Amino acid sequence: AALKVAQRTIAEVDARMVTARAEIAAAAGQVQE
């Protein structure tokens, strides 16, 4: 059960990292504009 929770946590962190990278790209576009 702890392993499954850890795997879900890793997946959530990975998803947040993808979102953060997208936010950085959007912010970079706003800076350029």
ModelCIF file with pLDDT and N, C-alpha, C, O atoms, coordinates in Angstrom:
data_MODEL
#
_entry.id   MODEL 
#
_entity.id                         1 
_entity.type                       polymer 
_entity.pdbx_number_of_molecules   1 
#
_entity_poly.entity_id                      1 
_entity_poly.type                           'polypeptide(L)' 
_entity_poly.nstd_linkage                   no 
_entity_poly.nstd_monomer                   no 
_entity_poly.pdbx_seq_one_letter_code       AALKVAQRTIAEVDARMVTARAEIAAAAGQVQE 
_entity_poly.pdbx_seq_one_letter_code_can   AALKVAQRTIAEVDARMVTARAEIAAAAGQVQE 
_entity_poly.pdbx_strand_id                 A 
#
loop_
_entity_poly_seq.entity_id 
_entity_poly_seq.num 
_entity_poly_seq.mon_id 
_entity_poly_seq.hetero 
1 1  ALA n 
1 2  ALA n 
1 3  LEU n 
1 4  LYS n 
1 5  VAL n 
1 6  ALA n 
1 7  GLN n 
1 8  ARG n 
1 9  THR n 
1 10 ILE n 
1 11 ALA n 
1 12 GLU n 
1 13 VAL n 
1 14 ASP n 
1 15 ALA n 
1 16 ARG n 
1 17 MET n 
1 18 VAL n 
1 19 THR n 
1 20 ALA n 
1 21 ARG n 
1 22 ALA n 
1 23 GLU n 
1 24 ILE n 
1 25 ALA n 
1 26 ALA n 
1 27 ALA n 
1 28 ALA n 
1 29 GLY n 
1 30 GLN n 
1 31 VAL n 
1 32 GLN n 
1 33 GLU n 
#
_struct_asym.id          A 
_struct_asym.entity_id   1 
#
loop_
_ma_qa_metric.id 
_ma_qa_metric.mode 
_ma_qa_metric.name 
_ma_qa_metric.software_group_id 
_ma_qa_metric.type 
1 global pLDDT . pLDDT 
2 local  pLDDT . pLDDT 
#
_ma_qa_metric_global.metric_id      1 
_ma_qa_metric_global.metric_value   96.82 
_ma_qa_metric_global.model_id       1 
_ma_qa_metric_global.ordinal_id     1 
#
loop_
_ma_qa_metric_local.label_asym_id 
_ma_qa_metric_local.label_comp_id 
_ma_qa_metric_local.label_seq_id 
_ma_qa_metric_local.metric_id 
_ma_qa_metric_local.metric_value 
_ma_qa_metric_local.model_id 
_ma_qa_metric_local.ordinal_id 
A ALA 1  2 97.00 1 1  
A ALA 2  2 97.00 1 2  
A LEU 3  2 97.00 1 3  
A LYS 4  2 98.00 1 4  
A VAL 5  2 98.00 1 5  
A ALA 6  2 98.00 1 6  
A GLN 7  2 98.00 1 7  
A ARG 8  2 98.00 1 8  
A THR 9  2 98.00 1 9  
A ILE 10 2 98.00 1 10 
A ALA 11 2 98.00 1 11 
A GLU 12 2 97.00 1 12 
A VAL 13 2 95.00 1 13 
A ASP 14 2 95.00 1 14 
A ALA 15 2 96.00 1 15 
A ARG 16 2 94.00 1 16 
A MET 17 2 95.00 1 17 
A VAL 18 2 96.00 1 18 
A THR 19 2 94.00 1 19 
A ALA 20 2 95.00 1 20 
A ARG 21 2 96.00 1 21 
A ALA 22 2 96.00 1 22 
A GLU 23 2 96.00 1 23 
A ILE 24 2 97.00 1 24 
A ALA 25 2 97.00 1 25 
A ALA 26 2 97.00 1 26 
A ALA 27 2 97.00 1 27 
A ALA 28 2 97.00 1 28 
A GLY 29 2 98.00 1 29 
A GLN 30 2 98.00 1 30 
A VAL 31 2 98.00 1 31 
A GLN 32 2 98.00 1 32 
A GLU 33 2 98.00 1 33 
#
loop_
_atom_site.group_PDB 
_atom_site.id 
_atom_site.type_symbol 
_atom_site.label_atom_id 
_atom_site.label_alt_id 
_atom_site.label_comp_id 
_atom_site.label_asym_id 
_atom_site.label_entity_id 
_atom_site.label_seq_id 
_atom_site.pdbx_PDB_ins_code 
_atom_site.Cartn_x 
_atom_site.Cartn_y 
_atom_site.Cartn_z 
_atom_site.occupancy 
_atom_site.B_iso_or_equiv 
_atom_site.pdbx_formal_charge 
_atom_site.auth_seq_id 
_atom_site.auth_comp_id 
_atom_site.auth_asym_id 
_atom_site.auth_atom_id 
_atom_site.pdbx_PDB_model_num 
ATOM 1   N N  . ALA A 1 1  ? 0.835 -1.204 0.000   1.00 97.00 ? 1  ALA A N  1 
ATOM 2   C CA . ALA A 1 1  ? 0.000 0.000  0.000   1.00 97.00 ? 1  ALA A CA 1 
ATOM 3   C C  . ALA A 1 1  ? 0.870 1.255  0.000   1.00 97.00 ? 1  ALA A C  1 
ATOM 4   O O  . ALA A 1 1  ? 0.571 2.221  -0.702  1.00 97.00 ? 1  ALA A O  1 
ATOM 5   N N  . ALA A 1 2  ? 1.936 1.240  0.780   1.00 97.00 ? 2  ALA A N  1 
ATOM 6   C CA . ALA A 1 2  ? 2.853 2.380  0.823   1.00 97.00 ? 2  ALA A CA 1 
ATOM 7   C C  . ALA A 1 2  ? 3.518 2.582  -0.533  1.00 97.00 ? 2  ALA A C  1 
ATOM 8   O O  . ALA A 1 2  ? 3.729 3.719  -0.956  1.00 97.00 ? 2  ALA A O  1 
ATOM 9   N N  . LEU A 1 3  ? 3.847 1.495  -1.211  1.00 97.00 ? 3  LEU A N  1 
ATOM 10  C CA . LEU A 1 3  ? 4.438 1.584  -2.543  1.00 97.00 ? 3  LEU A CA 1 
ATOM 11  C C  . LEU A 1 3  ? 3.467 2.229  -3.522  1.00 97.00 ? 3  LEU A C  1 
ATOM 12  O O  . LEU A 1 3  ? 3.854 3.093  -4.308  1.00 97.00 ? 3  LEU A O  1 
ATOM 13  N N  . LYS A 1 4  ? 2.207 1.810  -3.475  1.00 98.00 ? 4  LYS A N  1 
ATOM 14  C CA . LYS A 1 4  ? 1.205 2.391  -4.376  1.00 98.00 ? 4  LYS A CA 1 
ATOM 15  C C  . LYS A 1 4  ? 1.022 3.879  -4.107  1.00 98.00 ? 4  LYS A C  1 
ATOM 16  O O  . LYS A 1 4  ? 0.898 4.669  -5.043  1.00 98.00 ? 4  LYS A O  1 
ATOM 17  N N  . VAL A 1 5  ? 1.004 4.262  -2.839  1.00 98.00 ? 5  VAL A N  1 
ATOM 18  C CA . VAL A 1 5  ? 0.877 5.681  -2.481  1.00 98.00 ? 5  VAL A CA 1 
ATOM 19  C C  . VAL A 1 5  ? 2.084 6.458  -3.010  1.00 98.00 ? 5  VAL A C  1 
ATOM 20  O O  . VAL A 1 5  ? 1.936 7.549  -3.560  1.00 98.00 ? 5  VAL A O  1 
ATOM 21  N N  . ALA A 1 6  ? 3.262 5.893  -2.841  1.00 98.00 ? 6  ALA A N  1 
ATOM 22  C CA . ALA A 1 6  ? 4.486 6.551  -3.320  1.00 98.00 ? 6  ALA A CA 1 
ATOM 23  C C  . ALA A 1 6  ? 4.464 6.695  -4.841  1.00 98.00 ? 6  ALA A C  1 
ATOM 24  O O  . ALA A 1 6  ? 4.861 7.731  -5.375  1.00 98.00 ? 6  ALA A O  1 
ATOM 25  N N  . GLN A 1 7  ? 4.003 5.663  -5.533  1.00 98.00 ? 7  GLN A N  1 
ATOM 26  C CA . GLN A 1 7  ? 3.931 5.735  -6.999  1.00 98.00 ? 7  GLN A CA 1 
ATOM 27  C C  . GLN A 1 7  ? 2.938 6.811  -7.442  1.00 98.00 ? 7  GLN A C  1 
ATOM 28  O O  . GLN A 1 7  ? 3.198 7.535  -8.403  1.00 98.00 ? 7  GLN A O  1 
ATOM 29  N N  . ARG A 1 8  ? 1.806 6.920  -6.750  1.00 98.00 ? 8  ARG A N  1 
ATOM 30  C CA . ARG A 1 8  ? 0.825 7.961  -7.074  1.00 98.00 ? 8  ARG A CA 1 
ATOM 31  C C  . ARG A 1 8  ? 1.402 9.351  -6.789  1.00 98.00 ? 8  ARG A C  1 
ATOM 32  O O  . ARG A 1 8  ? 1.180 10.295 -7.547  1.00 98.00 ? 8  ARG A O  1 
ATOM 33  N N  . THR A 1 9  ? 2.134 9.454  -5.700  1.00 98.00 ? 9  THR A N  1 
ATOM 34  C CA . THR A 1 9  ? 2.755 10.735 -5.357  1.00 98.00 ? 9  THR A CA 1 
ATOM 35  C C  . THR A 1 9  ? 3.763 11.150 -6.423  1.00 98.00 ? 9  THR A C  1 
ATOM 36  O O  . THR A 1 9  ? 3.820 12.319 -6.804  1.00 98.00 ? 9  THR A O  1 
ATOM 37  N N  . ILE A 1 10 ? 4.546 10.209 -6.898  1.00 98.00 ? 10 ILE A N  1 
ATOM 38  C CA . ILE A 1 10 ? 5.505 10.486 -7.970  1.00 98.00 ? 10 ILE A CA 1 
ATOM 39  C C  . ILE A 1 10 ? 4.778 10.946 -9.225  1.00 98.00 ? 10 ILE A C  1 
ATOM 40  O O  . ILE A 1 10 ? 5.205 11.897 -9.879  1.00 98.00 ? 10 ILE A O  1 
ATOM 41  N N  . ALA A 1 11 ? 3.696 10.283 -9.560  1.00 98.00 ? 11 ALA A N  1 
ATOM 42  C CA . ALA A 1 11 ? 2.922 10.671 -10.740 1.00 98.00 ? 11 ALA A CA 1 
ATOM 43  C C  . ALA A 1 11 ? 2.352 12.082 -10.581 1.00 98.00 ? 11 ALA A C  1 
ATOM 44  O O  . ALA A 1 11 ? 2.338 12.858 -11.537 1.00 98.00 ? 11 ALA A O  1 
ATOM 45  N N  . GLU A 1 12 ? 1.886 12.415 -9.381  1.00 97.00 ? 12 GLU A N  1 
ATOM 46  C CA . GLU A 1 12 ? 1.349 13.752 -9.125  1.00 97.00 ? 12 GLU A CA 1 
ATOM 47  C C  . GLU A 1 12 ? 2.439 14.811 -9.245  1.00 97.00 ? 12 GLU A C  1 
ATOM 48  O O  . GLU A 1 12 ? 2.213 15.878 -9.816  1.00 97.00 ? 12 GLU A O  1 
ATOM 49  N N  . VAL A 1 13 ? 3.615 14.519 -8.710  1.00 95.00 ? 13 VAL A N  1 
ATOM 50  C CA . VAL A 1 13 ? 4.725 15.464 -8.796  1.00 95.00 ? 13 VAL A CA 1 
ATOM 51  C C  . VAL A 1 13 ? 5.145 15.648 -10.252 1.00 95.00 ? 13 VAL A C  1 
ATOM 52  O O  . VAL A 1 13 ? 5.416 16.768 -10.685 1.00 95.00 ? 13 VAL A O  1 
ATOM 53  N N  . ASP A 1 14 ? 5.199 14.565 -10.996 1.00 95.00 ? 14 ASP A N  1 
ATOM 54  C CA . ASP A 1 14 ? 5.533 14.655 -12.416 1.00 95.00 ? 14 ASP A CA 1 
ATOM 55  C C  . ASP A 1 14 ? 4.521 15.530 -13.157 1.00 95.00 ? 14 ASP A C  1 
ATOM 56  O O  . ASP A 1 14 ? 4.892 16.348 -13.999 1.00 95.00 ? 14 ASP A O  1 
ATOM 57  N N  . ALA A 1 15 ? 3.257 15.349 -12.839 1.00 96.00 ? 15 ALA A N  1 
ATOM 58  C CA . ALA A 1 15 ? 2.211 16.159 -13.480 1.00 96.00 ? 15 ALA A CA 1 
ATOM 59  C C  . ALA A 1 15 ? 2.359 17.632 -13.108 1.00 96.00 ? 15 ALA A C  1 
ATOM 60  O O  . ALA A 1 15 ? 2.189 18.511 -13.953 1.00 96.00 ? 15 ALA A O  1 
ATOM 61  N N  . ARG A 1 16 ? 2.678 17.897 -11.838 1.00 94.00 ? 16 ARG A N  1 
ATOM 62  C CA . ARG A 1 16 ? 2.879 19.292 -11.416 1.00 94.00 ? 16 ARG A CA 1 
ATOM 63  C C  . ARG A 1 16 ? 4.092 19.905 -12.107 1.00 94.00 ? 16 ARG A C  1 
ATOM 64  O O  . ARG A 1 16 ? 4.093 21.094 -12.425 1.00 94.00 ? 16 ARG A O  1 
ATOM 65  N N  . MET A 1 17 ? 5.124 19.096 -12.341 1.00 95.00 ? 17 MET A N  1 
ATOM 66  C CA . MET A 1 17 ? 6.305 19.606 -13.046 1.00 95.00 ? 17 MET A CA 1 
ATOM 67  C C  . MET A 1 17 ? 5.974 19.965 -14.493 1.00 95.00 ? 17 MET A C  1 
ATOM 68  O O  . MET A 1 17 ? 6.445 20.979 -15.007 1.00 95.00 ? 17 MET A O  1 
ATOM 69  N N  . VAL A 1 18 ? 5.177 19.146 -15.139 1.00 96.00 ? 18 VAL A N  1 
ATOM 70  C CA . VAL A 1 18 ? 4.757 19.442 -16.502 1.00 96.00 ? 18 VAL A CA 1 
ATOM 71  C C  . VAL A 1 18 ? 3.955 20.743 -16.519 1.00 96.00 ? 18 VAL A C  1 
ATOM 72  O O  . VAL A 1 18 ? 4.149 21.591 -17.390 1.00 96.00 ? 18 VAL A O  1 
ATOM 73  N N  . THR A 1 19 ? 3.053 20.891 -15.546 1.00 94.00 ? 19 THR A N  1 
ATOM 74  C CA . THR A 1 19 ? 2.254 22.109 -15.454 1.00 94.00 ? 19 THR A CA 1 
ATOM 75  C C  . THR A 1 19 ? 3.147 23.317 -15.201 1.00 94.00 ? 19 THR A C  1 
ATOM 76  O O  . THR A 1 19 ? 2.951 24.367 -15.812 1.00 94.00 ? 19 THR A O  1 
ATOM 77  N N  . ALA A 1 20 ? 4.112 23.183 -14.321 1.00 95.00 ? 20 ALA A N  1 
ATOM 78  C CA . ALA A 1 20 ? 5.018 24.290 -14.011 1.00 95.00 ? 20 ALA A CA 1 
ATOM 79  C C  . ALA A 1 20 ? 5.839 24.687 -15.235 1.00 95.00 ? 20 ALA A C  1 
ATOM 80  O O  . ALA A 1 20 ? 6.065 25.872 -15.479 1.00 95.00 ? 20 ALA A O  1 
ATOM 81  N N  . ARG A 1 21 ? 6.278 23.706 -15.992 1.00 96.00 ? 21 ARG A N  1 
ATOM 82  C CA . ARG A 1 21 ? 7.031 24.016 -17.225 1.00 96.00 ? 21 ARG A CA 1 
ATOM 83  C C  . ARG A 1 21 ? 6.149 24.757 -18.225 1.00 96.00 ? 21 ARG A C  1 
ATOM 84  O O  . ARG A 1 21 ? 6.607 25.676 -18.904 1.00 96.00 ? 21 ARG A O  1 
ATOM 85  N N  . ALA A 1 22 ? 4.895 24.356 -18.311 1.00 96.00 ? 22 ALA A N  1 
ATOM 86  C CA . ALA A 1 22 ? 3.960 25.049 -19.203 1.00 96.00 ? 22 ALA A CA 1 
ATOM 87  C C  . ALA A 1 22 ? 3.726 26.479 -18.719 1.00 96.00 ? 22 ALA A C  1 
ATOM 88  O O  . ALA A 1 22 ? 3.638 27.403 -19.527 1.00 96.00 ? 22 ALA A O  1 
ATOM 89  N N  . GLU A 1 23 ? 3.628 26.658 -17.405 1.00 96.00 ? 23 GLU A N  1 
ATOM 90  C CA . GLU A 1 23 ? 3.451 28.002 -16.848 1.00 96.00 ? 23 GLU A CA 1 
ATOM 91  C C  . GLU A 1 23 ? 4.671 28.873 -17.140 1.00 96.00 ? 23 GLU A C  1 
ATOM 92  O O  . GLU A 1 23 ? 4.529 30.061 -17.428 1.00 96.00 ? 23 GLU A O  1 
ATOM 93  N N  . ILE A 1 24 ? 5.855 28.293 -17.067 1.00 97.00 ? 24 ILE A N  1 
ATOM 94  C CA . ILE A 1 24 ? 7.076 29.038 -17.373 1.00 97.00 ? 24 ILE A CA 1 
ATOM 95  C C  . ILE A 1 24 ? 7.076 29.458 -18.841 1.00 97.00 ? 24 ILE A C  1 
ATOM 96  O O  . ILE A 1 24 ? 7.420 30.594 -19.168 1.00 97.00 ? 24 ILE A O  1 
ATOM 97  N N  . ALA A 1 25 ? 6.691 28.544 -19.713 1.00 97.00 ? 25 ALA A N  1 
ATOM 98  C CA . ALA A 1 25 ? 6.644 28.871 -21.143 1.00 97.00 ? 25 ALA A CA 1 
ATOM 99  C C  . ALA A 1 25 ? 5.637 29.981 -21.410 1.00 97.00 ? 25 ALA A C  1 
ATOM 100 O O  . ALA A 1 25 ? 5.910 30.896 -22.188 1.00 97.00 ? 25 ALA A O  1 
ATOM 101 N N  . ALA A 1 26 ? 4.480 29.904 -20.771 1.00 97.00 ? 26 ALA A N  1 
ATOM 102 C CA . ALA A 1 26 ? 3.468 30.951 -20.947 1.00 97.00 ? 26 ALA A CA 1 
ATOM 103 C C  . ALA A 1 26 ? 3.976 32.276 -20.393 1.00 97.00 ? 26 ALA A C  1 
ATOM 104 O O  . ALA A 1 26 ? 3.779 33.324 -21.007 1.00 97.00 ? 26 ALA A O  1 
ATOM 105 N N  . ALA A 1 27 ? 4.623 32.231 -19.246 1.00 97.00 ? 27 ALA A N  1 
ATOM 106 C CA . ALA A 1 27 ? 5.158 33.451 -18.642 1.00 97.00 ? 27 ALA A CA 1 
ATOM 107 C C  . ALA A 1 27 ? 6.265 34.050 -19.511 1.00 97.00 ? 27 ALA A C  1 
ATOM 108 O O  . ALA A 1 27 ? 6.377 35.270 -19.630 1.00 97.00 ? 27 ALA A O  1 
ATOM 109 N N  . ALA A 1 28 ? 7.071 33.196 -20.109 1.00 97.00 ? 28 ALA A N  1 
ATOM 110 C CA . ALA A 1 28 ? 8.123 33.693 -21.005 1.00 97.00 ? 28 ALA A CA 1 
ATOM 111 C C  . ALA A 1 28 ? 7.510 34.400 -22.205 1.00 97.00 ? 28 ALA A C  1 
ATOM 112 O O  . ALA A 1 28 ? 8.030 35.417 -22.665 1.00 97.00 ? 28 ALA A O  1 
ATOM 113 N N  . GLY A 1 29 ? 6.415 33.865 -22.708 1.00 98.00 ? 29 GLY A N  1 
ATOM 114 C CA . GLY A 1 29 ? 5.704 34.522 -23.808 1.00 98.00 ? 29 GLY A CA 1 
ATOM 115 C C  . GLY A 1 29 ? 5.150 35.870 -23.392 1.00 98.00 ? 29 GLY A C  1 
ATOM 116 O O  . GLY A 1 29 ? 5.200 36.831 -24.160 1.00 98.00 ? 29 GLY A O  1 
ATOM 117 N N  . GLN A 1 30 ? 4.622 35.947 -22.178 1.00 98.00 ? 30 GLN A N  1 
ATOM 118 C CA . GLN A 1 30 ? 4.099 37.212 -21.665 1.00 98.00 ? 30 GLN A CA 1 
ATOM 119 C C  . GLN A 1 30 ? 5.217 38.232 -21.485 1.00 98.00 ? 30 GLN A C  1 
ATOM 120 O O  . GLN A 1 30 ? 5.033 39.419 -21.753 1.00 98.00 ? 30 GLN A O  1 
ATOM 121 N N  . VAL A 1 31 ? 6.370 37.767 -21.033 1.00 98.00 ? 31 VAL A N  1 
ATOM 122 C CA . VAL A 1 31 ? 7.513 38.666 -20.883 1.00 98.00 ? 31 VAL A CA 1 
ATOM 123 C C  . VAL A 1 31 ? 7.917 39.203 -22.244 1.00 98.00 ? 31 VAL A C  1 
ATOM 124 O O  . VAL A 1 31 ? 8.151 40.402 -22.394 1.00 98.00 ? 31 VAL A O  1 
ATOM 125 N N  . GLN A 1 32 ? 8.002 38.330 -23.233 1.00 98.00 ? 32 GLN A N  1 
ATOM 126 C CA . GLN A 1 32 ? 8.391 38.749 -24.576 1.00 98.00 ? 32 GLN A CA 1 
ATOM 127 C C  . GLN A 1 32 ? 7.393 39.759 -25.140 1.00 98.00 ? 32 GLN A C  1 
ATOM 128 O O  . GLN A 1 32 ? 7.787 40.760 -25.739 1.00 98.00 ? 32 GLN A O  1 
ATOM 129 N N  . GLU A 1 33 ? 6.116 39.495 -24.949 1.00 98.00 ? 33 GLU A N  1 
ATOM 130 C CA . GLU A 1 33 ? 5.075 40.402 -25.438 1.00 98.00 ? 33 GLU A CA 1 
ATOM 131 C C  . GLU A 1 33 ? 5.156 41.750 -24.721 1.00 98.00 ? 33 GLU A C  1 
ATOM 132 O O  . GLU A 1 33 ? 4.359 42.646 -24.999 1.00 98.00 ? 33 GLU A O  1 
#
